[in-house]
Amino acid sequence: MRELTIWQAVAISTQFGFVLAASVLVGLGLGLLVDRWTHVGSVAYLIGALLGMVSGVFSIVKLINIFLRKKSSAGDDAPRRRPQA
């Protein structure tokens, strides 16, 4: 396995933060729209923020899985070939 440089580690870490922040902001925005449409009050904000946090966590888990898959396949020296039929 190859090791990450400091700048690659910083890039991955900031990507996690941006994904989580963007998800929460989108959830809050959708909560605002639902509130203006239905006039339910701050309940829509809370539900939107909660859904944004949940979607952010799922996105971060997906990014981690992609990163780990790339890191484990980077150590393979032999090229992968499709079996001949």
PDB file of N, CA and C in Angstrom:
ATOM      1  N   MET A   1       0.831  -1.184   0.000  1.00  0.00           N
ATOM      2  CA  MET A   1       0.000   0.000   0.000  1.00  0.00           C
ATOM      3  C   MET A   1       0.871   1.242   0.000  1.00  0.00           C
ATOM      4  N   ARG A   2       0.421   2.223  -0.753  1.00  0.00           N
ATOM      5  CA  ARG A   2       1.175   3.469  -0.757  1.00  0.00           C
ATOM      6  C   ARG A   2       0.661   4.372   0.355  1.00  0.00           C
ATOM      7  N   GLU A   3       1.545   5.158   0.901  1.00  0.00           N
ATOM      8  CA  GLU A   3       1.187   6.084   1.967  1.00  0.00           C
ATOM      9  C   GLU A   3       0.717   7.410   1.373  1.00  0.00           C
ATOM     10  N   LEU A   4      -0.151   8.089   2.080  1.00  0.00           N
ATOM     11  CA  LEU A   4      -0.650   9.388   1.641  1.00  0.00           C
ATOM     12  C   LEU A   4       0.340  10.483   1.994  1.00  0.00           C
ATOM     13  N   THR A   5       0.419  11.482   1.123  1.00  0.00           N
ATOM     14  CA  THR A   5       1.179  12.672   1.477  1.00  0.00           C
ATOM     15  C   THR A   5       0.311  13.513   2.412  1.00  0.00           C
ATOM     16  N   ILE A   6       0.906  14.511   3.020  1.00  0.00           N
ATOM     17  CA  ILE A   6       0.162  15.361   3.953  1.00  0.00           C
ATOM     18  C   ILE A   6      -0.944  16.111   3.223  1.00  0.00           C
ATOM     19  N   TRP A   7      -0.688  16.525   1.970  1.00  0.00           N
ATOM     20  CA  TRP A   7      -1.686  17.293   1.226  1.00  0.00           C
ATOM     21  C   TRP A   7      -2.852  16.412   0.789  1.00  0.00           C
ATOM     22  N   GLN A   8      -2.598  15.156   0.493  1.00  0.00           N
ATOM     23  CA  GLN A   8      -3.693  14.243   0.171  1.00  0.00           C
ATOM     24  C   GLN A   8      -4.562  13.987   1.392  1.00  0.00           C
ATOM     25  N   ALA A   9      -3.943  13.847   2.553  1.00  0.00           N
ATOM     26  CA  ALA A   9      -4.702  13.647   3.789  1.00  0.00           C
ATOM     27  C   ALA A   9      -5.535  14.879   4.127  1.00  0.00           C
ATOM     28  N   VAL A  10      -4.978  16.071   3.917  1.00  0.00           N
ATOM     29  CA  VAL A  10      -5.720  17.301   4.162  1.00  0.00           C
ATOM     30  C   VAL A  10      -6.896  17.411   3.198  1.00  0.00           C
ATOM     31  N   ALA A  11      -6.687  17.048   1.940  1.00  0.00           N
ATOM     32  CA  ALA A  11      -7.763  17.108   0.947  1.00  0.00           C
ATOM     33  C   ALA A  11      -8.904  16.171   1.309  1.00  0.00           C
ATOM     34  N   ILE A  12      -8.590  14.978   1.747  1.00  0.00           N
ATOM     35  CA  ILE A  12      -9.624  14.023   2.132  1.00  0.00           C
ATOM     36  C   ILE A  12     -10.371  14.506   3.370  1.00  0.00           C
ATOM     37  N   SER A  13      -9.648  15.039   4.338  1.00  0.00           N
ATOM     38  CA  SER A  13     -10.286  15.524   5.564  1.00  0.00           C
ATOM     39  C   SER A  13     -11.210  16.706   5.298  1.00  0.00           C
ATOM     40  N   THR A  14     -10.775  17.637   4.469  1.00  0.00           N
ATOM     41  CA  THR A  14     -11.637  18.777   4.169  1.00  0.00           C
ATOM     42  C   THR A  14     -12.840  18.365   3.338  1.00  0.00           C
ATOM     43  N   GLN A  15     -12.686  17.348   2.510  1.00  0.00           N
ATOM     44  CA  GLN A  15     -13.834  16.863   1.738  1.00  0.00           C
ATOM     45  C   GLN A  15     -14.909  16.323   2.675  1.00  0.00           C
ATOM     46  N   PHE A  16     -14.521  15.648   3.735  1.00  0.00           N
ATOM     47  CA  PHE A  16     -15.504  15.160   4.713  1.00  0.00           C
ATOM     48  C   PHE A  16     -16.264  16.322   5.337  1.00  0.00           C
ATOM     49  N   GLY A  17     -15.548  17.370   5.718  1.00  0.00           N
ATOM     50  CA  GLY A  17     -16.199  18.521   6.326  1.00  0.00           C
ATOM     51  C   GLY A  17     -17.142  19.234   5.382  1.00  0.00           C
ATOM     52  N   PHE A  18     -16.712  19.420   4.133  1.00  0.00           N
ATOM     53  CA  PHE A  18     -17.562  20.100   3.159  1.00  0.00           C
ATOM     54  C   PHE A  18     -18.815  19.287   2.840  1.00  0.00           C
ATOM     55  N   VAL A  19     -18.677  17.969   2.738  1.00  0.00           N
ATOM     56  CA  VAL A  19     -19.837  17.121   2.437  1.00  0.00           C
ATOM     57  C   VAL A  19     -20.851  17.200   3.573  1.00  0.00           C
ATOM     58  N   LEU A  20     -20.384  17.129   4.807  1.00  0.00           N
ATOM     59  CA  LEU A  20     -21.306  17.193   5.937  1.00  0.00           C
ATOM     60  C   LEU A  20     -21.965  18.564   6.041  1.00  0.00           C
ATOM     61  N   ALA A  21     -21.196  19.631   5.878  1.00  0.00           N
ATOM     62  CA  ALA A  21     -21.758  20.980   5.960  1.00  0.00           C
ATOM     63  C   ALA A  21     -22.761  21.227   4.837  1.00  0.00           C
ATOM     64  N   ALA A  22     -22.439  20.802   3.626  1.00  0.00           N
ATOM     65  CA  ALA A  22     -23.353  21.005   2.498  1.00  0.00           C
ATOM     66  C   ALA A  22     -24.646  20.220   2.700  1.00  0.00           C
ATOM     67  N   SER A  23     -24.551  19.024   3.227  1.00  0.00           N
ATOM     68  CA  SER A  23     -25.754  18.222   3.457  1.00  0.00           C
ATOM     69  C   SER A  23     -26.665  18.873   4.490  1.00  0.00           C
ATOM     70  N   VAL A  24     -26.095  19.384   5.555  1.00  0.00           N
ATOM     71  CA  VAL A  24     -26.899  20.050   6.583  1.00  0.00           C
ATOM     72  C   VAL A  24     -27.527  21.324   6.025  1.00  0.00           C
ATOM     73  N   LEU A  25     -26.770  22.090   5.250  1.00  0.00           N
ATOM     74  CA  LEU A  25     -27.323  23.317   4.669  1.00  0.00           C
ATOM     75  C   LEU A  25     -28.447  23.031   3.685  1.00  0.00           C
ATOM     76  N   VAL A  26     -28.305  21.986   2.890  1.00  0.00           N
ATOM     77  CA  VAL A  26     -29.388  21.603   1.976  1.00  0.00           C
ATOM     78  C   VAL A  26     -30.616  21.169   2.772  1.00  0.00           C
ATOM     79  N   GLY A  27     -30.406  20.413   3.846  1.00  0.00           N
ATOM     80  CA  GLY A  27     -31.526  20.005   4.693  1.00  0.00           C
ATOM     81  C   GLY A  27     -32.228  21.194   5.323  1.00  0.00           C
ATOM     82  N   LEU A  28     -31.455  22.168   5.801  1.00  0.00           N
ATOM     83  CA  LEU A  28     -32.056  23.373   6.369  1.00  0.00           C
ATOM     84  C   LEU A  28     -32.817  24.171   5.306  1.00  0.00           C
ATOM     85  N   GLY A  29     -32.256  24.241   4.110  1.00  0.00           N
ATOM     86  CA  GLY A  29     -32.940  24.941   3.021  1.00  0.00           C
ATOM     87  C   GLY A  29     -34.255  24.280   2.653  1.00  0.00           C
ATOM     88  N   LEU A  30     -34.242  22.963   2.595  1.00  0.00           N
ATOM     89  CA  LEU A  30     -35.490  22.253   2.314  1.00  0.00           C
ATOM     90  C   LEU A  30     -36.488  22.422   3.454  1.00  0.00           C
ATOM     91  N   GLY A  31     -35.993  22.448   4.685  1.00  0.00           N
ATOM     92  CA  GLY A  31     -36.870  22.701   5.825  1.00  0.00           C
ATOM     93  C   GLY A  31     -37.495  24.080   5.749  1.00  0.00           C
ATOM     94  N   LEU A  32     -36.720  25.064   5.306  1.00  0.00           N
ATOM     95  CA  LEU A  32     -37.249  26.421   5.131  1.00  0.00           C
ATOM     96  C   LEU A  32     -38.351  26.439   4.069  1.00  0.00           C
ATOM     97  N   LEU A  33     -38.113  25.759   2.960  1.00  0.00           N
ATOM     98  CA  LEU A  33     -39.135  25.704   1.911  1.00  0.00           C
ATOM     99  C   LEU A  33     -40.413  25.018   2.392  1.00  0.00           C
ATOM    100  N   VAL A  34     -40.254  23.922   3.114  1.00  0.00           N
ATOM    101  CA  VAL A  34     -41.431  23.220   3.636  1.00  0.00           C
ATOM    102  C   VAL A  34     -42.169  24.102   4.637  1.00  0.00           C
ATOM    103  N   ASP A  35     -41.426  24.838   5.458  1.00  0.00           N
ATOM    104  CA  ASP A  35     -42.058  25.738   6.432  1.00  0.00           C
ATOM    105  C   ASP A  35     -42.844  26.838   5.738  1.00  0.00           C
ATOM    106  N   ARG A  36     -42.270  27.431   4.712  1.00  0.00           N
ATOM    107  CA  ARG A  36     -42.987  28.489   4.002  1.00  0.00           C
ATOM    108  C   ARG A  36     -44.214  27.955   3.259  1.00  0.00           C
ATOM    109  N   TRP A  37     -44.135  26.702   2.832  1.00  0.00           N
ATOM    110  CA  TRP A  37     -45.242  26.117   2.078  1.00  0.00           C
ATOM    111  C   TRP A  37     -46.377  25.658   2.999  1.00  0.00           C
ATOM    112  N   THR A  38     -46.011  25.052   4.145  1.00  0.00           N
ATOM    113  CA  THR A  38     -47.024  24.463   5.021  1.00  0.00           C
ATOM    114  C   THR A  38     -47.265  25.256   6.307  1.00  0.00           C
ATOM    115  N   HIS A  39     -46.404  26.198   6.658  1.00  0.00           N
ATOM    116  CA  HIS A  39     -46.522  27.016   7.873  1.00  0.00           C
ATOM    117  C   HIS A  39     -46.565  26.160   9.147  1.00  0.00           C
ATOM    118  N   VAL A  40     -45.653  25.183   9.237  1.00  0.00           N
ATOM    119  CA  VAL A  40     -45.622  24.321  10.419  1.00  0.00           C
ATOM    120  C   VAL A  40     -44.655  24.826  11.487  1.00  0.00           C
ATOM    121  N   GLY A  41     -43.898  25.833  11.203  1.00  0.00           N
ATOM    122  CA  GLY A  41     -42.996  26.394  12.203  1.00  0.00           C
ATOM    123  C   GLY A  41     -41.614  25.775  12.157  1.00  0.00           C
ATOM    124  N   SER A  42     -40.935  25.854  13.291  1.00  0.00           N
ATOM    125  CA  SER A  42     -39.545  25.408  13.346  1.00  0.00           C
ATOM    126  C   SER A  42     -39.384  23.890  13.287  1.00  0.00           C
ATOM    127  N   VAL A  43     -40.477  23.157  13.312  1.00  0.00           N
ATOM    128  CA  VAL A  43     -40.392  21.695  13.198  1.00  0.00           C
ATOM    129  C   VAL A  43     -39.768  21.313  11.864  1.00  0.00           C
ATOM    130  N   ALA A  44     -40.117  22.046  10.810  1.00  0.00           N
ATOM    131  CA  ALA A  44     -39.565  21.752   9.489  1.00  0.00           C
ATOM    132  C   ALA A  44     -38.046  21.981   9.463  1.00  0.00           C
ATOM    133  N   TYR A  45     -37.569  23.024  10.148  1.00  0.00           N
ATOM    134  CA  TYR A  45     -36.128  23.260  10.222  1.00  0.00           C
ATOM    135  C   TYR A  45     -35.419  22.098  10.909  1.00  0.00           C
ATOM    136  N   LEU A  46     -35.973  21.663  12.014  1.00  0.00           N
ATOM    137  CA  LEU A  46     -35.343  20.573  12.763  1.00  0.00           C
ATOM    138  C   LEU A  46     -35.330  19.278  11.970  1.00  0.00           C
ATOM    139  N   ILE A  47     -36.431  18.959  11.327  1.00  0.00           N
ATOM    140  CA  ILE A  47     -36.490  17.737  10.517  1.00  0.00           C
ATOM    141  C   ILE A  47     -35.542  17.851   9.333  1.00  0.00           C
ATOM    142  N   GLY A  48     -35.497  19.019   8.698  1.00  0.00           N
ATOM    143  CA  GLY A  48     -34.571  19.214   7.589  1.00  0.00           C
ATOM    144  C   GLY A  48     -33.124  19.085   8.016  1.00  0.00           C
ATOM    145  N   ALA A  49     -32.776  19.664   9.154  1.00  0.00           N
ATOM    146  CA  ALA A  49     -31.402  19.555   9.648  1.00  0.00           C
ATOM    147  C   ALA A  49     -31.063  18.111   9.995  1.00  0.00           C
ATOM    148  N   LEU A  50     -32.003  17.407  10.611  1.00  0.00           N
ATOM    149  CA  LEU A  50     -31.767  16.005  10.960  1.00  0.00           C
ATOM    150  C   LEU A  50     -31.576  15.157   9.713  1.00  0.00           C
ATOM    151  N   LEU A  51     -32.424  15.348   8.717  1.00  0.00           N
ATOM    152  CA  LEU A  51     -32.274  14.593   7.468  1.00  0.00           C
ATOM    153  C   LEU A  51     -30.973  14.965   6.763  1.00  0.00           C
ATOM    154  N   GLY A  52     -30.572  16.228   6.847  1.00  0.00           N
ATOM    155  CA  GLY A  52     -29.297  16.635   6.266  1.00  0.00           C
ATOM    156  C   GLY A  52     -28.119  15.973   6.961  1.00  0.00           C
ATOM    157  N   MET A  53     -28.175  15.881   8.286  1.00  0.00           N
ATOM    158  CA  MET A  53     -27.099  15.213   9.014  1.00  0.00           C
ATOM    159  C   MET A  53     -27.018  13.732   8.670  1.00  0.00           C
ATOM    160  N   VAL A  54     -28.173  13.091   8.583  1.00  0.00           N
ATOM    161  CA  VAL A  54     -28.198  11.655   8.246  1.00  0.00           C
ATOM    162  C   VAL A  54     -27.644  11.428   6.844  1.00  0.00           C
ATOM    163  N   SER A  55     -28.071  12.265   5.890  1.00  0.00           N
ATOM    164  CA  SER A  55     -27.555  12.089   4.527  1.00  0.00           C
ATOM    165  C   SER A  55     -26.064  12.422   4.460  1.00  0.00           C
ATOM    166  N   GLY A  56     -25.610  13.365   5.255  1.00  0.00           N
ATOM    167  CA  GLY A  56     -24.188  13.676   5.309  1.00  0.00           C
ATOM    168  C   GLY A  56     -23.362  12.525   5.839  1.00  0.00           C
ATOM    169  N   VAL A  57     -23.856  11.864   6.878  1.00  0.00           N
ATOM    170  CA  VAL A  57     -23.141  10.706   7.436  1.00  0.00           C
ATOM    171  C   VAL A  57     -23.092   9.576   6.409  1.00  0.00           C
ATOM    172  N   PHE A  58     -24.202   9.333   5.711  1.00  0.00           N
ATOM    173  CA  PHE A  58     -24.192   8.300   4.677  1.00  0.00           C
ATOM    174  C   PHE A  58     -23.206   8.645   3.565  1.00  0.00           C
ATOM    175  N   SER A  59     -23.131   9.911   3.191  1.00  0.00           N
ATOM    176  CA  SER A  59     -22.189  10.326   2.149  1.00  0.00           C
ATOM    177  C   SER A  59     -20.744  10.160   2.609  1.00  0.00           C
ATOM    178  N   ILE A  60     -20.478  10.458   3.866  1.00  0.00           N
ATOM    179  CA  ILE A  60     -19.122  10.301   4.389  1.00  0.00           C
ATOM    180  C   ILE A  60     -18.733   8.830   4.444  1.00  0.00           C
ATOM    181  N   VAL A  61     -19.658   7.969   4.844  1.00  0.00           N
ATOM    182  CA  VAL A  61     -19.380   6.534   4.868  1.00  0.00           C
ATOM    183  C   VAL A  61     -19.095   6.042   3.448  1.00  0.00           C
ATOM    184  N   LYS A  62     -19.842   6.540   2.482  1.00  0.00           N
ATOM    185  CA  LYS A  62     -19.615   6.158   1.088  1.00  0.00           C
ATOM    186  C   LYS A  62     -18.232   6.628   0.619  1.00  0.00           C
ATOM    187  N   LEU A  63     -17.843   7.854   0.975  1.00  0.00           N
ATOM    188  CA  LEU A  63     -16.512   8.349   0.620  1.00  0.00           C
ATOM    189  C   LEU A  63     -15.408   7.518   1.267  1.00  0.00           C
ATOM    190  N   ILE A  64     -15.608   7.130   2.509  1.00  0.00           N
ATOM    191  CA  ILE A  64     -14.602   6.311   3.200  1.00  0.00           C
ATOM    192  C   ILE A  64     -14.461   4.963   2.522  1.00  0.00           C
ATOM    193  N   ASN A  65     -15.589   4.357   2.138  1.00  0.00           N
ATOM    194  CA  ASN A  65     -15.524   3.067   1.444  1.00  0.00           C
ATOM    195  C   ASN A  65     -14.797   3.194   0.108  1.00  0.00           C
ATOM    196  N   ILE A  66     -15.055   4.269  -0.637  1.00  0.00           N
ATOM    197  CA  ILE A  66     -14.356   4.479  -1.905  1.00  0.00           C
ATOM    198  C   ILE A  66     -12.870   4.679  -1.664  1.00  0.00           C
ATOM    199  N   PHE A  67     -12.525   5.467  -0.661  1.00  0.00           N
ATOM    200  CA  PHE A  67     -11.120   5.711  -0.346  1.00  0.00           C
ATOM    201  C   PHE A  67     -10.409   4.424   0.056  1.00  0.00           C
ATOM    202  N   LEU A  68     -11.035   3.621   0.905  1.00  0.00           N
ATOM    203  CA  LEU A  68     -10.403   2.369   1.340  1.00  0.00           C
ATOM    204  C   LEU A  68     -10.265   1.386   0.188  1.00  0.00           C
ATOM    205  N   ARG A  69     -11.239   1.360  -0.714  1.00  0.00           N
ATOM    206  CA  ARG A  69     -11.170   0.465  -1.864  1.00  0.00           C
ATOM    207  C   ARG A  69     -10.024   0.872  -2.783  1.00  0.00           C
ATOM    208  N   LYS A  70      -9.853   2.187  -3.013  1.00  0.00           N
ATOM    209  CA  LYS A  70      -8.752   2.661  -3.852  1.00  0.00           C
ATOM    210  C   LYS A  70      -7.404   2.389  -3.190  1.00  0.00           C
ATOM    211  N   LYS A  71      -7.360   2.573  -1.870  1.00  0.00           N
ATOM    212  CA  LYS A  71      -6.093   2.379  -1.167  1.00  0.00           C
ATOM    213  C   LYS A  71      -5.695   0.904  -1.175  1.00  0.00           C
ATOM    214  N   SER A  72      -6.664  -0.009  -1.031  1.00  0.00           N
ATOM    215  CA  SER A  72      -6.319  -1.422  -1.028  1.00  0.00           C
ATOM    216  C   SER A  72      -5.960  -1.903  -2.424  1.00  0.00           C
ATOM    217  N   SER A  73      -6.569  -1.333  -3.461  1.00  0.00           N
ATOM    218  CA  SER A  73      -6.237  -1.762  -4.817  1.00  0.00           C
ATOM    219  C   SER A  73      -4.948  -1.122  -5.315  1.00  0.00           C
ATOM    220  N   ALA A  74      -4.472  -0.052  -4.672  1.00  0.00           N
ATOM    221  CA  ALA A  74      -3.230   0.593  -5.084  1.00  0.00           C
ATOM    222  C   ALA A  74      -2.018  -0.282  -4.772  1.00  0.00           C
ATOM    223  N   GLY A  75      -2.127  -1.200  -3.844  1.00  0.00           N
ATOM    224  CA  GLY A  75      -1.017  -2.064  -3.481  1.00  0.00           C
ATOM    225  C   GLY A  75      -0.851  -3.245  -4.417  1.00  0.00           C
ATOM    226  N   ASP A  76      -1.830  -3.518  -5.250  1.00  0.00           N
ATOM    227  CA  ASP A  76      -1.731  -4.627  -6.189  1.00  0.00           C
ATOM    228  C   ASP A  76      -0.818  -4.227  -7.337  1.00  0.00           C
ATOM    229  N   ASP A  77       0.238  -5.018  -7.558  1.00  0.00           N
ATOM    230  CA  ASP A  77       1.161  -4.711  -8.644  1.00  0.00           C
ATOM    231  C   ASP A  77       0.724  -5.359  -9.950  1.00  0.00           C
ATOM    232  N   ALA A  78       0.086  -6.499  -9.869  1.00  0.00           N
ATOM    233  CA  ALA A  78      -0.319  -7.212 -11.071  1.00  0.00           C
ATOM    234  C   ALA A  78      -1.581  -6.600 -11.648  1.00  0.00           C
ATOM    235  N   PRO A  79      -1.610  -6.379 -12.962  1.00  0.00           N
ATOM    236  CA  PRO A  79      -2.827  -5.837 -13.563  1.00  0.00           C
ATOM    237  C   PRO A  79      -3.938  -6.867 -13.553  1.00  0.00           C
ATOM    238  N   ARG A  80      -5.138  -6.409 -13.392  1.00  0.00           N
ATOM    239  CA  ARG A  80      -6.282  -7.312 -13.373  1.00  0.00           C
ATOM    240  C   ARG A  80      -6.808  -7.497 -14.777  1.00  0.00           C
ATOM    241  N   ARG A  81      -7.063  -8.745 -15.130  1.00  0.00           N
ATOM    242  CA  ARG A  81      -7.569  -9.056 -16.461  1.00  0.00           C
ATOM    243  C   ARG A  81      -8.890  -9.768 -16.342  1.00  0.00           C
ATOM    244  N   ARG A  82      -9.728  -9.497 -17.323  1.00  0.00           N
ATOM    245  CA  ARG A  82     -11.029 -10.184 -17.353  1.00  0.00           C
ATOM    246  C   ARG A  82     -10.825 -11.589 -17.891  1.00  0.00           C
ATOM    247  N   PRO A  83     -11.545 -12.562 -17.319  1.00  0.00           N
ATOM    248  CA  PRO A  83     -11.402 -13.933 -17.821  1.00  0.00           C
ATOM    249  C   PRO A  83     -11.939 -14.053 -19.243  1.00  0.00           C
ATOM    250  N   GLN A  84     -11.252 -14.853 -20.039  1.00  0.00           N
ATOM    251  CA  GLN A  84     -11.688 -15.086 -21.406  1.00  0.00           C
ATOM    252  C   GLN A  84     -12.813 -16.092 -21.434  1.00  0.00           C
ATOM    253  N   ALA A  85     -13.811 -15.805 -22.234  1.00  0.00           N
ATOM    254  CA  ALA A  85     -14.970 -16.715 -22.318  1.00  0.00           C
ATOM    255  C   ALA A  85     -14.823 -17.704 -23.430  1.00  0.00           C
TER     256      ALA A  85
END
